[in-house]
C-alpha atoms as a PDB file:
ATOM      1  CA  MET A   1      21.519  20.570   4.266  1.00  0.00           C
ATOM      2  CA  ASP A   2      22.841  17.504   6.104  1.00  0.00           C
ATOM      3  CA  THR A   3      21.339  14.371   4.576  1.00  0.00           C
ATOM      4  CA  SER A   4      23.251  11.902   6.713  1.00  0.00           C
ATOM      5  CA  ILE A   5      20.153  10.935   8.735  1.00  0.00           C
ATOM      6  CA  TYR A   6      18.296   9.763   5.608  1.00  0.00           C
ATOM      7  CA  ASN A   7      21.303   7.835   4.320  1.00  0.00           C
ATOM      8  CA  LYS A   8      21.757   6.235   7.734  1.00  0.00           C
ATOM      9  CA  ILE A   9      18.229   4.882   7.609  1.00  0.00           C
ATOM     10  CA  LEU A  10      18.412   3.610   4.053  1.00  0.00           C
ATOM     11  CA  ASN A  11      21.811   2.046   4.522  1.00  0.00           C
ATOM     12  CA  SER A  12      20.543   0.208   7.613  1.00  0.00           C
ATOM     13  CA  ILE A  13      17.570  -1.485   5.982  1.00  0.00           C
ATOM     14  CA  ASN A  14      17.005  -3.766   3.030  1.00  0.00           C
ATOM     15  CA  ILE A  15      16.635  -1.141   0.259  1.00  0.00           C
ATOM     16  CA  ASN A  16      18.753  -1.562  -2.867  1.00  0.00           C
ATOM     17  CA  LYS A  17      19.443  -0.188  -6.308  1.00  0.00           C
ATOM     18  CA  ASP A  18      16.685  -0.977  -8.878  1.00  0.00           C
ATOM     19  CA  ASP A  19      14.180  -1.964  -6.194  1.00  0.00           C
ATOM     20  CA  ASN A  20      10.490  -1.618  -6.935  1.00  0.00           C
ATOM     21  CA  LEU A  21       9.297  -0.203  -3.599  1.00  0.00           C
ATOM     22  CA  PHE A  22       5.869   0.249  -2.038  1.00  0.00           C
ATOM     23  CA  ILE A  23       6.007   2.226   1.243  1.00  0.00           C
ATOM     24  CA  SER A  24       3.436   1.976   4.028  1.00  0.00           C
ATOM     25  CA  SER A  25       4.124   4.296   6.939  1.00  0.00           C
ATOM     26  CA  ASP A  26       3.102   6.187  10.034  1.00  0.00           C
ATOM     27  CA  MET A  27       5.711   8.894  10.443  1.00  0.00           C
ATOM     28  CA  GLY A  28       4.419  10.349  13.705  1.00  0.00           C
ATOM     29  CA  ARG A  29       6.739   8.553  16.115  1.00  0.00           C
ATOM     30  CA  LEU A  30       9.743   8.950  13.846  1.00  0.00           C
ATOM     31  CA  LEU A  31       9.209  12.708  13.454  1.00  0.00           C
ATOM     32  CA  PHE A  32       8.692  13.129  17.201  1.00  0.00           C
ATOM     33  CA  ASN A  33      11.785  11.080  18.080  1.00  0.00           C
ATOM     34  CA  TYR A  34      14.015  13.151  15.857  1.00  0.00           C
ATOM     35  CA  LEU A  35      12.439  16.397  17.065  1.00  0.00           C
ATOM     36  CA  GLU A  36      13.326  15.421  20.619  1.00  0.00           C
ATOM     37  CA  GLN A  37      16.924  15.040  19.480  1.00  0.00           C
ATOM     38  CA  GLY A  38      16.846  18.490  17.899  1.00  0.00           C
ATOM     39  CA  ILE A  39      16.792  17.042  14.359  1.00  0.00           C
ATOM     40  CA  LYS A  40      14.349  18.387  11.791  1.00  0.00           C
ATOM     41  CA  PHE A  41      13.317  15.469   9.588  1.00  0.00           C
ATOM     42  CA  ASP A  42      12.345  16.658   6.107  1.00  0.00           C
ATOM     43  CA  CYS A  43      10.029  14.180   4.348  1.00  0.00           C
ATOM     44  CA  ASN A  44      10.897  15.622   0.909  1.00  0.00           C
ATOM     45  CA  LEU A  45      14.596  15.012   1.533  1.00  0.00           C
ATOM     46  CA  PHE A  46      13.786  11.505   2.712  1.00  0.00           C
ATOM     47  CA  ILE A  47      11.940  10.824  -0.520  1.00  0.00           C
ATOM     48  CA  ASP A  48      14.856  12.280  -2.484  1.00  0.00           C
ATOM     49  CA  ALA A  49      17.212   9.936  -0.683  1.00  0.00           C
ATOM     50  CA  ILE A  50      15.007   6.911  -1.450  1.00  0.00           C
ATOM     51  CA  GLN A  51      14.934   7.847  -5.131  1.00  0.00           C
ATOM     52  CA  GLU A  52      18.726   8.172  -5.181  1.00  0.00           C
ATOM     53  CA  LYS A  53      19.049   4.808  -3.461  1.00  0.00           C
ATOM     54  CA  ILE A  54      16.860   2.812  -5.847  1.00  0.00           C
ATOM     55  CA  GLY A  55      17.745   4.816  -8.978  1.00  0.00           C
ATOM     56  CA  GLU A  56      15.695   5.542 -12.112  1.00  0.00           C
ATOM     57  CA  ASN A  57      15.350   1.873 -12.965  1.00  0.00           C
ATOM     58  CA  GLY A  58      13.465   1.359  -9.727  1.00  0.00           C
ATOM     59  CA  THR A  59       9.870   2.355  -9.019  1.00  0.00           C
ATOM     60  CA  LEU A  60       8.673   4.124  -5.844  1.00  0.00           C
ATOM     61  CA  ILE A  61       5.003   4.221  -4.829  1.00  0.00           C
ATOM     62  CA  PHE A  62       3.022   5.564  -1.864  1.00  0.00           C
ATOM     63  CA  PRO A  63      -0.609   4.703  -1.138  1.00  0.00           C
ATOM     64  CA  THR A  64      -2.898   7.727  -1.588  1.00  0.00           C
ATOM     65  CA  TYR A  65      -6.137   5.991  -0.603  1.00  0.00           C
ATOM     66  CA  ASN A  66      -9.362   7.880   0.052  1.00  0.00           C
ATOM     67  CA  TRP A  67     -12.723   6.167   0.691  1.00  0.00           C
ATOM     68  CA  LYS A  68     -15.160   9.074   0.317  1.00  0.00           C
ATOM     69  CA  PHE A  69     -16.223   7.778  -3.120  1.00  0.00           C
ATOM     70  CA  CYS A  70     -17.809   4.843  -1.205  1.00  0.00           C
ATOM     71  CA  LYS A  71     -20.074   7.353   0.526  1.00  0.00           C
ATOM     72  CA  GLY A  72     -21.221   8.967  -2.711  1.00  0.00           C
ATOM     73  CA  GLU A  73     -18.826  11.902  -2.573  1.00  0.00           C
ATOM     74  CA  SER A  74     -17.044  12.947  -5.746  1.00  0.00           C
ATOM     75  CA  PHE A  75     -13.400  12.106  -6.446  1.00  0.00           C
ATOM     76  CA  ASP A  76     -11.213  14.881  -7.793  1.00  0.00           C
ATOM     77  CA  TYR A  77      -7.946  13.620  -9.291  1.00  0.00           C
ATOM     78  CA  HIS A  78      -6.067  16.767  -8.254  1.00  0.00           C
ATOM     79  CA  LYS A  79      -7.859  17.748  -5.041  1.00  0.00           C
ATOM     80  CA  THR A  80      -8.963  14.580  -3.232  1.00  0.00           C
ATOM     81  CA  LEU A  81      -6.558  14.124  -0.353  1.00  0.00           C
ATOM     82  CA  SER A  82      -4.695  11.029   0.655  1.00  0.00           C
ATOM     83  CA  LYS A  83      -5.857   9.433   3.918  1.00  0.00           C
ATOM     84  CA  THR A  84      -2.748   7.252   4.221  1.00  0.00           C
ATOM     85  CA  GLY A  85       0.003   9.278   5.849  1.00  0.00           C
ATOM     86  CA  ILE A  86       2.227  12.264   5.501  1.00  0.00           C
ATOM     87  CA  LEU A  87       4.637  10.715   2.977  1.00  0.00           C
ATOM     88  CA  SER A  88       1.778  10.149   0.535  1.00  0.00           C
ATOM     89  CA  LYS A  89       0.572  13.730   1.002  1.00  0.00           C
ATOM     90  CA  VAL A  90       4.087  15.053   0.323  1.00  0.00           C
ATOM     91  CA  ALA A  91       4.464  12.839  -2.772  1.00  0.00           C
ATOM     92  CA  LEU A  92       1.167  14.098  -4.243  1.00  0.00           C
ATOM     93  CA  LYS A  93       2.485  17.688  -4.077  1.00  0.00           C
ATOM     94  CA  ARG A  94       5.632  16.868  -6.029  1.00  0.00           C
ATOM     95  CA  ASP A  95       5.939  17.300  -9.775  1.00  0.00           C
ATOM     96  CA  ASP A  96       7.991  14.119 -10.177  1.00  0.00           C
ATOM     97  CA  PHE A  97       5.173  11.876  -8.919  1.00  0.00           C
ATOM     98  CA  LYS A  98       2.030  10.939 -10.815  1.00  0.00           C
ATOM     99  CA  ARG A  99      -1.182   9.672  -9.269  1.00  0.00           C
ATOM    100  CA  THR A 100      -2.969   6.574 -10.492  1.00  0.00           C
ATOM    101  CA  LYS A 101      -6.644   6.876 -11.323  1.00  0.00           C
ATOM    102  CA  HIS A 102      -8.763   4.655  -9.081  1.00  0.00           C
ATOM    103  CA  PRO A 103     -10.846   6.875  -6.736  1.00  0.00           C
ATOM    104  CA  LEU A 104     -10.531   4.528  -3.734  1.00  0.00           C
ATOM    105  CA  TYR A 105      -7.110   2.943  -4.027  1.00  0.00           C
ATOM    106  CA  SER A 106      -4.809   5.302  -5.877  1.00  0.00           C
ATOM    107  CA  PHE A 107      -1.009   5.602  -5.615  1.00  0.00           C
ATOM    108  CA  ALA A 108       1.589   8.307  -6.049  1.00  0.00           C
ATOM    109  CA  VAL A 109       4.211   6.848  -8.431  1.00  0.00           C
ATOM    110  CA  TRP A 110       7.773   7.772  -9.386  1.00  0.00           C
ATOM    111  CA  GLY A 111      10.322   5.943 -11.516  1.00  0.00           C
ATOM    112  CA  LYS A 112      10.432   3.316 -14.224  1.00  0.00           C
ATOM    113  CA  GLY A 113       6.913   1.999 -13.743  1.00  0.00           C
ATOM    114  CA  GLN A 114       5.208   5.356 -13.524  1.00  0.00           C
ATOM    115  CA  LYS A 115       3.590   5.397 -17.000  1.00  0.00           C
ATOM    116  CA  GLU A 116       2.461   1.776 -16.826  1.00  0.00           C
ATOM    117  CA  LEU A 117       0.798   2.309 -13.469  1.00  0.00           C
ATOM    118  CA  TYR A 118      -0.775   5.597 -14.500  1.00  0.00           C
ATOM    119  CA  ASP A 119      -2.161   3.996 -17.668  1.00  0.00           C
ATOM    120  CA  LEU A 120      -4.059   1.335 -15.702  1.00  0.00           C
ATOM    121  CA  GLU A 121      -7.847   1.665 -16.004  1.00  0.00           C
ATOM    122  CA  ASN A 122      -8.841  -0.834 -13.340  1.00  0.00           C
ATOM    123  CA  ILE A 123     -12.435  -0.761 -12.124  1.00  0.00           C
ATOM    124  CA  SER A 124     -11.825  -3.217  -9.283  1.00  0.00           C
ATOM    125  CA  SER A 125      -9.797  -1.882  -6.358  1.00  0.00           C
ATOM    126  CA  PHE A 126      -7.711  -4.991  -5.860  1.00  0.00           C
ATOM    127  CA  GLY A 127      -8.111  -7.435  -8.723  1.00  0.00           C
ATOM    128  CA  ILE A 128      -6.368  -8.410 -11.935  1.00  0.00           C
ATOM    129  CA  GLY A 129      -5.183  -5.304 -13.782  1.00  0.00           C
ATOM    130  CA  SER A 130      -4.930  -3.225 -10.622  1.00  0.00           C
ATOM    131  CA  PRO A 131      -1.750  -1.674  -9.175  1.00  0.00           C
ATOM    132  CA  PHE A 132      -1.674  -4.551  -6.676  1.00  0.00           C
ATOM    133  CA  ASP A 133      -1.556  -6.985  -9.611  1.00  0.00           C
ATOM    134  CA  TYR A 134       1.239  -4.888 -11.130  1.00  0.00           C
ATOM    135  CA  MET A 135       3.169  -5.053  -7.846  1.00  0.00           C
ATOM    136  CA  HIS A 136       2.785  -8.821  -7.772  1.00  0.00           C
ATOM    137  CA  LYS A 137       3.950  -9.310 -11.342  1.00  0.00           C
ATOM    138  CA  ASN A 138       6.856  -6.851 -11.006  1.00  0.00           C
ATOM    139  CA  ASN A 139       8.223  -8.220  -7.729  1.00  0.00           C
ATOM    140  CA  PHE A 140       7.651  -5.216  -5.479  1.00  0.00           C
ATOM    141  CA  LYS A 141       9.103  -4.888  -2.014  1.00  0.00           C
ATOM    142  CA  ASN A 142       6.786  -3.504   0.691  1.00  0.00           C
ATOM    143  CA  LEU A 143       8.559  -1.307   3.274  1.00  0.00           C
ATOM    144  CA  PHE A 144       6.660  -0.639   6.507  1.00  0.00           C
ATOM    145  CA  ILE A 145       7.811   2.288   8.622  1.00  0.00           C
ATOM    146  CA  ASP A 146       6.569   2.265  12.230  1.00  0.00           C
ATOM    147  CA  VAL A 147       3.468   0.307  11.293  1.00  0.00           C
ATOM    148  CA  SER A 148       2.778  -3.357  11.869  1.00  0.00           C
ATOM    149  CA  TYR A 149       2.596  -5.161   8.549  1.00  0.00           C
ATOM    150  CA  GLN A 150      -0.123  -7.343  10.073  1.00  0.00           C
ATOM    151  CA  ASP A 151      -2.316  -4.231  10.142  1.00  0.00           C
ATOM    152  CA  SER A 152      -1.145  -2.593   6.918  1.00  0.00           C
ATOM    153  CA  LEU A 153      -0.677  -5.348   4.328  1.00  0.00           C
ATOM    154  CA  THR A 154      -3.299  -4.215   1.818  1.00  0.00           C
ATOM    155  CA  PHE A 155      -1.818  -6.661  -0.691  1.00  0.00           C
ATOM    156  CA  ILE A 156      -3.710  -9.458   1.110  1.00  0.00           C
ATOM    157  CA  HIS A 157      -6.978  -8.073  -0.302  1.00  0.00           C
ATOM    158  CA  TYR A 158      -5.601  -8.554  -3.816  1.00  0.00           C
ATOM    159  CA  ILE A 159      -4.891 -12.211  -3.062  1.00  0.00           C
ATOM    160  CA  GLU A 160      -8.345 -12.598  -1.496  1.00  0.00           C
ATOM    161  CA  GLU A 161     -10.024 -11.275  -4.636  1.00  0.00           C
ATOM    162  CA  VAL A 162      -7.889 -13.180  -7.158  1.00  0.00           C
ATOM    163  CA  ILE A 163      -7.900 -16.526  -5.316  1.00  0.00           C
ATOM    164  CA  GLY A 164     -11.105 -16.369  -3.297  1.00  0.00           C
ATOM    165  CA  GLY A 165     -13.415 -14.767  -5.806  1.00  0.00           C
ATOM    166  CA  LYS A 166     -17.111 -15.448  -5.270  1.00  0.00           C
ATOM    167  CA  ASP A 167     -16.337 -18.451  -3.042  1.00  0.00           C
ATOM    168  CA  LEU A 168     -14.745 -16.392  -0.254  1.00  0.00           C
ATOM    169  CA  GLU A 169     -17.137 -16.523   2.647  1.00  0.00           C
ATOM    170  CA  TYR A 170     -16.583 -13.119   4.214  1.00  0.00           C
ATOM    171  CA  ARG A 171     -16.087 -10.778   1.171  1.00  0.00           C
ATOM    172  CA  TYR A 172     -18.103  -9.924  -1.920  1.00  0.00           C
ATOM    173  CA  MET A 173     -17.803  -7.506  -4.857  1.00  0.00           C
ATOM    174  CA  LYS A 174     -19.683  -4.254  -4.423  1.00  0.00           C
ATOM    175  CA  ASP A 175     -20.099  -1.361  -6.893  1.00  0.00           C
ATOM    176  CA  PHE A 176     -19.883   2.294  -5.929  1.00  0.00           C
ATOM    177  CA  ILE A 177     -21.194   5.131  -8.127  1.00  0.00           C
ATOM    178  CA  SER A 178     -20.360   8.790  -7.799  1.00  0.00           C
ATOM    179  CA  ASP A 179     -18.956  11.784  -9.725  1.00  0.00           C
ATOM    180  CA  TYR A 180     -15.375  11.607 -10.940  1.00  0.00           C
ATOM    181  CA  ILE A 181     -13.292  14.654 -11.935  1.00  0.00           C
ATOM    182  CA  ASP A 182     -10.379  13.480 -14.033  1.00  0.00           C
ATOM    183  CA  GLU A 183      -6.895  14.884 -14.567  1.00  0.00           C
ATOM    184  CA  ASN A 184      -8.237  17.258 -17.242  1.00  0.00           C
ATOM    185  CA  ASN A 185     -11.008  18.455 -14.899  1.00  0.00           C
ATOM    186  CA  HIS A 186     -13.748  16.655 -16.867  1.00  0.00           C
ATOM    187  CA  LYS A 187     -16.616  15.535 -14.642  1.00  0.00           C
ATOM    188  CA  SER A 188     -18.604  12.361 -15.216  1.00  0.00           C
ATOM    189  CA  GLU A 189     -20.476   9.726 -13.221  1.00  0.00           C
ATOM    190  CA  ARG A 190     -18.454   6.561 -12.875  1.00  0.00           C
ATOM    191  CA  THR A 191     -18.728   3.124 -11.280  1.00  0.00           C
ATOM    192  CA  TYR A 192     -15.869   1.429  -9.399  1.00  0.00           C
ATOM    193  CA  SER A 193     -15.878  -1.721  -7.333  1.00  0.00           C
ATOM    194  CA  MET A 194     -14.272  -3.102  -4.196  1.00  0.00           C
ATOM    195  CA  PHE A 195     -14.071  -6.567  -2.708  1.00  0.00           C
ATOM    196  CA  VAL A 196     -15.695  -5.581   0.599  1.00  0.00           C
ATOM    197  CA  ARG A 197     -16.213  -7.374   3.910  1.00  0.00           C
ATOM    198  CA  ASP A 198     -19.655  -8.819   4.448  1.00  0.00           C
ATOM    199  CA  LEU A 199     -20.650  -6.977   7.611  1.00  0.00           C
ATOM    200  CA  GLU A 200     -23.528  -9.380   8.233  1.00  0.00           C
ATOM    201  CA  LYS A 201     -20.957 -12.121   8.724  1.00  0.00           C
ATOM    202  CA  ASN A 202     -19.562 -10.153  11.690  1.00  0.00           C
ATOM    203  CA  ALA A 203     -16.062 -11.142  10.611  1.00  0.00           C
ATOM    204  CA  ARG A 204     -12.923  -9.794  12.198  1.00  0.00           C
ATOM    205  CA  HIS A 205      -9.448 -10.202  10.754  1.00  0.00           C
ATOM    206  CA  ASP A 206      -6.861 -12.317  12.490  1.00  0.00           C
ATOM    207  CA  PHE A 207      -3.500 -12.538  10.678  1.00  0.00           C
ATOM    208  CA  THR A 208      -1.677 -14.225  13.552  1.00  0.00           C
ATOM    209  CA  ASP A 209      -1.002 -17.568  11.870  1.00  0.00           C
ATOM    210  CA  ILE A 210      -0.227 -16.090   8.454  1.00  0.00           C
ATOM    211  CA  THR A 211       2.253 -13.595   9.853  1.00  0.00           C
ATOM    212  CA  LYS A 212       3.852 -16.363  11.948  1.00  0.00           C
ATOM    213  CA  ASP A 213       4.370 -18.365   8.740  1.00  0.00           C
ATOM    214  CA  ILE A 214       5.867 -15.298   7.050  1.00  0.00           C
ATOM    215  CA  ASP A 215       8.194 -14.547   9.957  1.00  0.00           C
ATOM    216  CA  ASP A 216       9.180 -18.138  10.637  1.00  0.00           C
ATOM    217  CA  GLY A 217       9.907 -18.591   6.935  1.00  0.00           C
ATOM    218  CA  GLY A 218      12.362 -15.694   7.013  1.00  0.00           C
ATOM    219  CA  LEU A 219      10.294 -13.688   4.540  1.00  0.00           C
ATOM    220  CA  SER A 220      10.109 -10.567   6.723  1.00  0.00           C
ATOM    221  CA  LYS A 221      13.215  -8.540   7.468  1.00  0.00           C
ATOM    222  CA  LYS A 222      13.009  -6.273  10.512  1.00  0.00           C
ATOM    223  CA  TYR A 223      15.234  -3.397  11.605  1.00  0.00           C
ATOM    224  CA  ILE A 224      15.372  -0.773  14.355  1.00  0.00           C
ATOM    225  CA  VAL A 225      16.949   2.576  13.426  1.00  0.00           C
ATOM    226  CA  ASP A 226      16.912   5.371  16.006  1.00  0.00           C
ATOM    227  CA  ASP A 227      13.952   3.729  17.848  1.00  0.00           C
ATOM    228  CA  SER A 228      11.813   3.439  14.717  1.00  0.00           C
ATOM    229  CA  GLU A 229      10.803   0.034  13.311  1.00  0.00           C
ATOM    230  CA  TYR A 230      11.251  -0.921   9.663  1.00  0.00           C
ATOM    231  CA  THR A 231      10.019  -4.154   8.063  1.00  0.00           C
ATOM    232  CA  THR A 232      10.443  -5.314   4.443  1.00  0.00           C
ATOM    233  CA  LEU A 233       8.531  -8.046   2.624  1.00  0.00           C
ATOM    234  CA  MET A 234       8.770  -9.248  -0.959  1.00  0.00           C
ATOM    235  CA  LEU A 235       5.109  -9.357  -1.986  1.00  0.00           C
ATOM    236  CA  ARG A 236       5.630 -12.142  -4.478  1.00  0.00           C
ATOM    237  CA  ASP A 237       7.164 -14.333  -1.762  1.00  0.00           C
ATOM    238  CA  ILE A 238       4.234 -14.056   0.623  1.00  0.00           C
ATOM    239  CA  TYR A 239       1.626 -14.766  -2.035  1.00  0.00           C
ATOM    240  CA  PRO A 240       1.780 -18.579  -1.703  1.00  0.00           C
ATOM    241  CA  ILE A 241       1.315 -18.455   2.074  1.00  0.00           C
ATOM    242  CA  VAL A 242      -1.893 -16.399   1.833  1.00  0.00           C
ATOM    243  CA  GLU A 243      -3.044 -18.335  -1.232  1.00  0.00           C
ATOM    244  CA  ASN A 244      -2.669 -21.606   0.643  1.00  0.00           C
ATOM    245  CA  ASP A 245      -4.723 -20.309   3.545  1.00  0.00           C
ATOM    246  CA  ILE A 246      -7.532 -19.101   1.298  1.00  0.00           C
ATOM    247  CA  LYS A 247      -7.641 -22.266  -0.832  1.00  0.00           C
ATOM    248  CA  TYR A 248      -7.269 -24.957   1.794  1.00  0.00           C
ATOM    249  CA  ASN A 249      -8.277 -23.454   5.111  1.00  0.00           C
ATOM    250  CA  ARG A 250     -11.345 -21.441   3.999  1.00  0.00           C
ATOM    251  CA  SER A 251      -9.543 -18.343   5.261  1.00  0.00           C
ATOM    252  CA  LYS A 252     -10.287 -19.146   8.888  1.00  0.00           C
ATOM    253  CA  ARG A 253      -6.865 -17.734   9.689  1.00  0.00           C
ATOM    254  CA  ILE A 254      -7.746 -14.455   8.061  1.00  0.00           C
ATOM    255  CA  ALA A 255     -11.291 -14.047   9.382  1.00  0.00           C
ATOM    256  CA  ILE A 256     -12.965 -15.271  12.520  1.00  0.00           C
ATOM    257  CA  TYR A 257     -16.733 -15.178  12.729  1.00  0.00           C
ATOM    258  CA  ASP A 258     -18.040 -14.002  16.076  1.00  0.00           C
ATOM    259  CA  GLY A 259     -20.830 -16.240  17.276  1.00  0.00           C
ATOM    260  CA  GLN A 260     -20.465 -18.744  14.409  1.00  0.00           C
END
């Protein structure tokens, strides 16, 4: 099968050998655009091409988030679906990927960091010892495919928890308890936590100033390939910008309080 379309994309954007890569995506427009051109885009072949591009010394992860555990529904390691896009669903079906264990914020992982990420036993969704912490410490690149990074940069919640902690005005730590069915099909009741928005604060996110700092500082790289938009960020590089906002501006750039 012709793989030139996948190589064209990867050779046009900032993806390199040995990259540690976290992909956030909405493939709908891309798939439709290629279909209109009579091209069948195979997500498995696209993943294969990414793996070949970064090589075995790189790490590839897709978000496989699902928030039903928050509502008291059980999490099944093998059966709980990803709510974060078709690439994550495809990755979960592949034998070469392994899912991390958190019932809210799990990831499908391939490559060098697979075992380390799978072995994490983080209780907090975003904090120290979570996959987000691992991405920070291991200099991951976040690739956004046809999604605005302003709306999809989950990494910001890690910085909020680590830097803001209990002093952050619009978030607080909340525990969730439900049944958990592990990789060996053992069922138990477990507790996991998430740094959640305080709904009583009536806060809404506004990343305008932060993303302007990121873009003006040349930290985001943007590409158009066959009418689809691709953006890359080095997560370690944007950390100081968000950290500065949380520490010295009380996160007013991140959250605006209606009526306050």
